Amino acid sequence: MNIINVILNPNFNLSQSNEESYVTSLELNNIVAFHQTLYNQETPLVRLPGLAKHLGIGKLLIKDESHRLGLNAFKVLGASYAMHKQIEKFPQIKTFCSATDGNHGRAVAWMARHLGRQASIYMPKGTDHGIVSAIESEGAEVFVINQNYNAAVKRAKDQVYSSNKKTDDYSWSLIQDTAWDGYEEVPLDIMKGYCTGLPPKSCTKC
């Protein structure tokens, strides 16, 4: 029989995380209602009895996200909701910017096109050309830099900062799924957006 080992992260406080990421039932309903405006549909749960038996567990199910809004990934749930929240606060936004190594960037580009806005996406060196083409097919401007992912995040952040400094009208918005001190609101909204993809009531204590 196979044994699944669980390793606790000593730097992770579960009770604190539950308190900080609490999503009310009303907010969850609003998130789901927003995604319904995008014609989102529930994706299927697929049973894997063979793998469950191999792992020595009673039941194993996976969420098949290949059906999610034609983008083959769940990432669009988070990016779209965060972008929606930013537009509510700053309706003058003209360009959404992000760094990505794949699905998040395509989700940002897809939602920007849906909103009639522009998308500027930074990607690290070595990015597969097919992934670049998929993002460009959503109408985004893609920059593949000769550096790693962290550098791409910094380039996106700097681009938004410099562009907004020039115009002083907050026409650029950073939609990054990486958080740092002083940049928590958008990543949190992205995480909240993923609640739509979970079973009912499971996200009231994400």
Protein backbone atom coordinates (compact mmCIF):
# COMPACT_ATOMS: atom_id res chain seq x y z
CA MET A 1 0.00 0.00 0.00
CA ASN A 2 1.23 3.49 -0.86
CA ILE A 3 1.53 6.06 1.91
CA ILE A 4 0.90 9.75 1.30
CA ASN A 5 3.17 11.92 3.43
CA VAL A 6 1.99 15.30 4.63
CA ILE A 7 4.64 17.89 5.46
CA LEU A 8 3.61 20.94 7.47
CA ASN A 9 5.12 24.30 6.58
CA PRO A 10 6.27 25.89 9.87
CA ASN A 11 5.97 29.36 8.28
CA PHE A 12 2.29 28.91 7.42
CA ASN A 13 -0.35 29.85 9.99
CA LEU A 14 -3.58 28.12 8.96
CA SER A 15 -5.86 29.91 11.44
CA GLN A 16 -4.49 33.31 10.43
CA SER A 17 -4.87 32.43 6.76
CA ASN A 18 -8.50 31.47 7.27
CA GLU A 19 -9.23 34.78 8.99
CA GLU A 20 -7.49 36.89 6.35
CA SER A 21 -8.97 35.11 3.32
CA TYR A 22 -12.54 34.93 4.60
CA VAL A 23 -15.12 35.33 1.85
CA THR A 24 -18.67 36.08 2.92
CA SER A 25 -21.61 34.26 1.37
CA LEU A 26 -22.76 37.55 -0.18
CA GLU A 27 -19.37 38.16 -1.76
CA LEU A 28 -19.24 34.59 -3.04
CA ASN A 29 -22.66 35.04 -4.63
CA ASN A 30 -21.45 38.26 -6.27
CA ILE A 31 -18.35 36.51 -7.64
CA VAL A 32 -20.40 33.67 -9.11
CA ALA A 33 -22.95 36.14 -10.53
CA PHE A 34 -20.17 38.12 -12.19
CA HIS A 35 -18.74 35.04 -13.86
CA GLN A 36 -22.20 34.15 -15.12
CA THR A 37 -22.15 37.40 -17.11
CA LEU A 38 -19.21 35.88 -18.99
CA TYR A 39 -21.33 32.78 -19.72
CA ASN A 40 -19.16 30.70 -17.43
CA GLN A 41 -20.40 27.16 -16.86
CA GLU A 42 -19.58 24.65 -14.15
CA THR A 43 -16.72 22.34 -15.15
CA PRO A 44 -17.01 18.61 -14.50
CA LEU A 45 -15.52 16.51 -11.72
CA VAL A 46 -13.87 13.38 -13.08
CA ARG A 47 -13.44 10.26 -10.96
CA LEU A 48 -10.08 8.47 -11.08
CA PRO A 49 -10.72 5.13 -9.37
CA GLY A 50 -7.58 3.49 -10.74
CA LEU A 51 -5.26 6.18 -9.41
CA ALA A 52 -7.17 6.28 -6.12
CA LYS A 53 -6.58 2.55 -5.71
CA HIS A 54 -2.92 2.94 -6.61
CA LEU A 55 -2.53 5.68 -3.97
CA GLY A 56 -4.41 3.67 -1.38
CA ILE A 57 -7.21 6.18 -0.89
CA GLY A 58 -10.97 5.75 -1.05
CA LYS A 59 -11.85 8.26 -3.75
CA LEU A 60 -10.04 10.71 -6.03
CA LEU A 61 -11.66 13.35 -8.22
CA ILE A 62 -10.15 16.03 -10.40
CA LYS A 63 -11.72 19.22 -11.75
CA ASP A 64 -11.49 19.22 -15.54
CA GLU A 65 -10.72 22.85 -16.37
CA SER A 66 -10.24 22.22 -20.08
CA HIS A 67 -13.85 23.41 -20.50
CA ARG A 68 -13.36 26.80 -18.80
CA LEU A 69 -14.53 29.56 -21.18
CA GLY A 70 -12.60 28.06 -24.08
CA LEU A 71 -9.24 28.85 -22.48
CA ASN A 72 -8.38 25.36 -21.22
CA ALA A 73 -7.47 26.67 -17.73
CA PHE A 74 -9.08 27.98 -14.54
CA LYS A 75 -6.89 31.11 -14.45
CA VAL A 76 -9.51 33.22 -16.23
CA LEU A 77 -11.74 33.06 -13.15
CA GLY A 78 -9.23 34.97 -11.05
CA ALA A 79 -7.94 37.44 -13.63
CA SER A 80 -11.41 38.38 -14.89
CA TYR A 81 -12.78 39.05 -11.41
CA ALA A 82 -9.77 41.15 -10.37
CA MET A 83 -9.99 43.16 -13.58
CA HIS A 84 -13.71 43.67 -13.04
CA LYS A 85 -13.01 45.01 -9.53
CA GLN A 86 -10.33 47.35 -10.85
CA ILE A 87 -12.67 48.72 -13.52
CA GLU A 88 -15.25 49.40 -10.81
CA LYS A 89 -12.67 51.51 -8.95
CA PHE A 90 -10.92 53.03 -11.97
CA PRO A 91 -13.23 53.06 -15.02
CA GLN A 92 -10.62 55.07 -16.94
CA ILE A 93 -8.28 52.08 -17.23
CA LYS A 94 -7.19 51.61 -20.84
CA THR A 95 -4.44 48.98 -20.53
CA PHE A 96 -4.03 45.95 -18.30
CA CYS A 97 -0.49 44.72 -17.77
CA SER A 98 0.88 41.50 -16.33
CA ALA A 99 3.80 39.09 -16.31
CA THR A 100 3.17 35.42 -17.00
CA ASP A 101 4.61 32.16 -18.13
CA GLY A 102 1.34 31.02 -19.66
CA ASN A 103 -2.29 30.75 -18.63
CA HIS A 104 -2.58 33.85 -16.41
CA GLY A 105 -1.38 36.13 -19.19
CA ARG A 106 -3.79 34.64 -21.68
CA ALA A 107 -6.61 35.13 -19.18
CA VAL A 108 -5.68 38.80 -18.74
CA ALA A 109 -5.52 39.27 -22.50
CA TRP A 110 -8.88 37.51 -23.00
CA MET A 111 -10.62 39.64 -20.39
CA ALA A 112 -9.03 42.87 -21.65
CA ARG A 113 -10.44 42.12 -25.11
CA HIS A 114 -13.82 41.36 -23.55
CA LEU A 115 -13.73 44.75 -21.81
CA GLY A 116 -12.59 46.61 -24.91
CA ARG A 117 -9.23 47.43 -23.31
CA GLN A 118 -5.62 46.76 -24.26
CA ALA A 119 -3.32 44.16 -22.70
CA SER A 120 0.44 44.30 -22.37
CA ILE A 121 2.03 41.00 -21.32
CA TYR A 122 5.63 40.31 -20.28
CA MET A 123 7.01 36.79 -20.49
CA PRO A 124 10.33 35.22 -19.44
CA LYS A 125 13.00 33.86 -21.77
CA GLY A 126 12.44 30.37 -23.04
CA THR A 127 8.67 30.79 -23.32
CA ASP A 128 7.18 28.42 -25.85
CA HIS A 129 6.23 30.17 -29.08
CA GLY A 130 2.82 28.48 -29.05
CA ILE A 131 2.01 30.10 -25.71
CA VAL A 132 3.09 33.50 -27.01
CA SER A 133 0.90 33.05 -30.10
CA ALA A 134 -2.09 32.05 -27.97
CA ILE A 135 -1.82 35.26 -25.94
CA GLU A 136 -1.28 37.38 -29.04
CA SER A 137 -4.39 35.80 -30.58
CA GLU A 138 -6.38 37.47 -27.80
CA GLY A 139 -5.16 40.86 -29.06
CA ALA A 140 -2.41 41.43 -26.49
CA GLU A 141 1.00 42.95 -27.06
CA VAL A 142 3.55 40.42 -25.83
CA PHE A 143 7.15 41.10 -24.78
CA VAL A 144 9.41 38.09 -24.25
CA ILE A 145 12.37 39.39 -22.25
CA ASN A 146 15.82 37.81 -22.03
CA GLN A 147 15.41 37.26 -18.29
CA ASN A 148 13.50 35.02 -15.86
CA TYR A 149 9.94 35.21 -14.54
CA ASN A 150 10.76 37.43 -11.56
CA ALA A 151 12.38 39.93 -13.88
CA ALA A 152 9.27 39.85 -16.08
CA VAL A 153 7.13 40.68 -13.04
CA LYS A 154 9.38 43.66 -12.30
CA ARG A 155 9.19 44.83 -15.92
CA ALA A 156 5.40 44.72 -15.82
CA LYS A 157 5.30 46.54 -12.51
CA ASP A 158 7.73 49.22 -13.73
CA GLN A 159 5.81 49.65 -16.99
CA VAL A 160 2.55 50.34 -15.15
CA TYR A 161 4.25 52.71 -12.71
CA SER A 162 6.04 54.73 -15.40
CA SER A 163 3.00 54.89 -17.68
CA ASN A 164 0.72 56.12 -14.90
CA LYS A 165 3.33 58.62 -13.77
CA LYS A 166 3.42 60.14 -17.26
CA THR A 167 -0.34 60.49 -17.67
CA ASP A 168 -1.33 60.86 -14.00
CA ASP A 169 -4.73 59.34 -14.74
CA TYR A 170 -4.28 55.69 -13.72
CA SER A 171 -4.95 54.45 -17.25
CA TRP A 172 -2.72 51.39 -16.69
CA SER A 173 -3.52 48.59 -14.23
CA LEU A 174 -1.23 45.83 -13.01
CA ILE A 175 -3.03 42.47 -12.79
CA GLN A 176 -0.42 40.24 -11.20
CA ASP A 177 -1.06 36.96 -9.40
CA THR A 178 2.11 37.48 -7.37
CA ALA A 179 1.77 39.52 -4.17
CA TRP A 180 4.33 41.64 -2.32
CA ASP A 181 4.25 44.28 0.41
CA GLY A 182 1.96 47.06 -0.75
CA TYR A 183 0.47 44.98 -3.56
CA GLU A 184 -2.08 42.63 -2.04
CA GLU A 185 -5.51 43.80 -3.21
CA VAL A 186 -5.37 42.54 -6.79
CA PRO A 187 -3.78 39.16 -5.94
CA LEU A 188 -6.45 38.67 -3.26
CA ASP A 189 -9.22 39.46 -5.76
CA ILE A 190 -7.63 36.95 -8.14
CA MET A 191 -7.75 34.30 -5.43
CA LYS A 192 -11.36 35.17 -4.63
CA GLY A 193 -12.24 34.78 -8.28
CA TYR A 194 -11.15 31.15 -8.14
CA CYS A 195 -13.98 30.47 -5.67
CA THR A 196 -16.38 30.08 -8.59
CA GLY A 197 -14.53 26.92 -9.59
CA LEU A 198 -14.94 25.28 -6.18
CA PRO A 199 -17.85 23.23 -4.84
CA PRO A 200 -20.63 25.29 -3.17
CA LYS A 201 -19.81 26.71 0.28
CA SER A 202 -16.22 25.42 0.17
CA CYS A 203 -14.81 28.92 -0.29
CA THR A 204 -16.44 30.65 2.66
CA LYS A 205 -13.25 29.66 4.47
CA CYS A 206 -10.82 29.46 1.55
